[in-house]
Amino acid sequence: MQAIMETLFDVVYLTTVVTLGVLMIKNANGNKQYTLFGIMAVVLGLGDSFHLVPRAIALCTTGLENYTVALGIGKLITSITMTVFYILLYYIWRKRYNISGKQGVTIAVYLLAAMRIILCLFPQNAWTSANPSLSWGIYRNIPFALIGLLIIILFYNSAKANNDKPFRFMWLTIVLSFAFYIPVVLWADVYPLVGMLMIPKTCAYVWTVWIGYSDMRSSRKRIDV
């Protein structure tokens, strides 16, 4: 039952975010904000597929323990693509609110992203091991969490200052994604049921993408009128 339900959920999730992303790229009509949003959604879906597809295959066949290497490599790729996801989200913030300058913030985003990716590449992570390092799982997620915190602050302050109702909950989607993700990093290996929090975490990311897609549709309707 777990194999069927989880696989169906993952198929719906991946199909949804990639489809919305492609639609946004196709219908952006030169609007760089929506083009970036579409690319971000596609990166999210394709990046997660490197982990979720092997996991689905494992659940539906001989079990997770027989796909340790594929799952580990998939997690590594997903970790990197999620970092790219937040870099793109940062540039969406800049485009949406017509931000110029702020070079210090840009440098901070890139430094944290570089730290995250470099830490992910260290062999001590033991990605392909049946017992990966918890300590390194924490280390590599510190700069990732700091990027998330920075993006949360940027969107919260800008949406509030500009009375931006379509994006008023963007900050909250990121808060929720980390709120559900951090317990998984810390305790999923000891308490497997904690891994179920990846479902609401995934839903938070779908909400992020949906906010951008809905805003694009509303914008097109206003133009047509």
Foldseek 3Di string as FASTA:
>chain_A
DCLVVLLVLLVCLLVLLLVLLVVQCVPVVPQVLSPLLSVLSNLQSVLLCQQSVLQSVQSVPVHPVVCLQSNLVSVLSSQLSVLVSLLSLVVSLCSVLVDDDPVVLVVLSVVLSVQLNVLSPDCQQVSSDPDGDLVSLVRSCPSVVVSLVSSLVSLCVSCVVVVPVLSNCLSVLSVLLCVLVVCCSNPCVPPVVSVVSVSVSSVSVSVNSVSSSVVSVVVVVVVVD
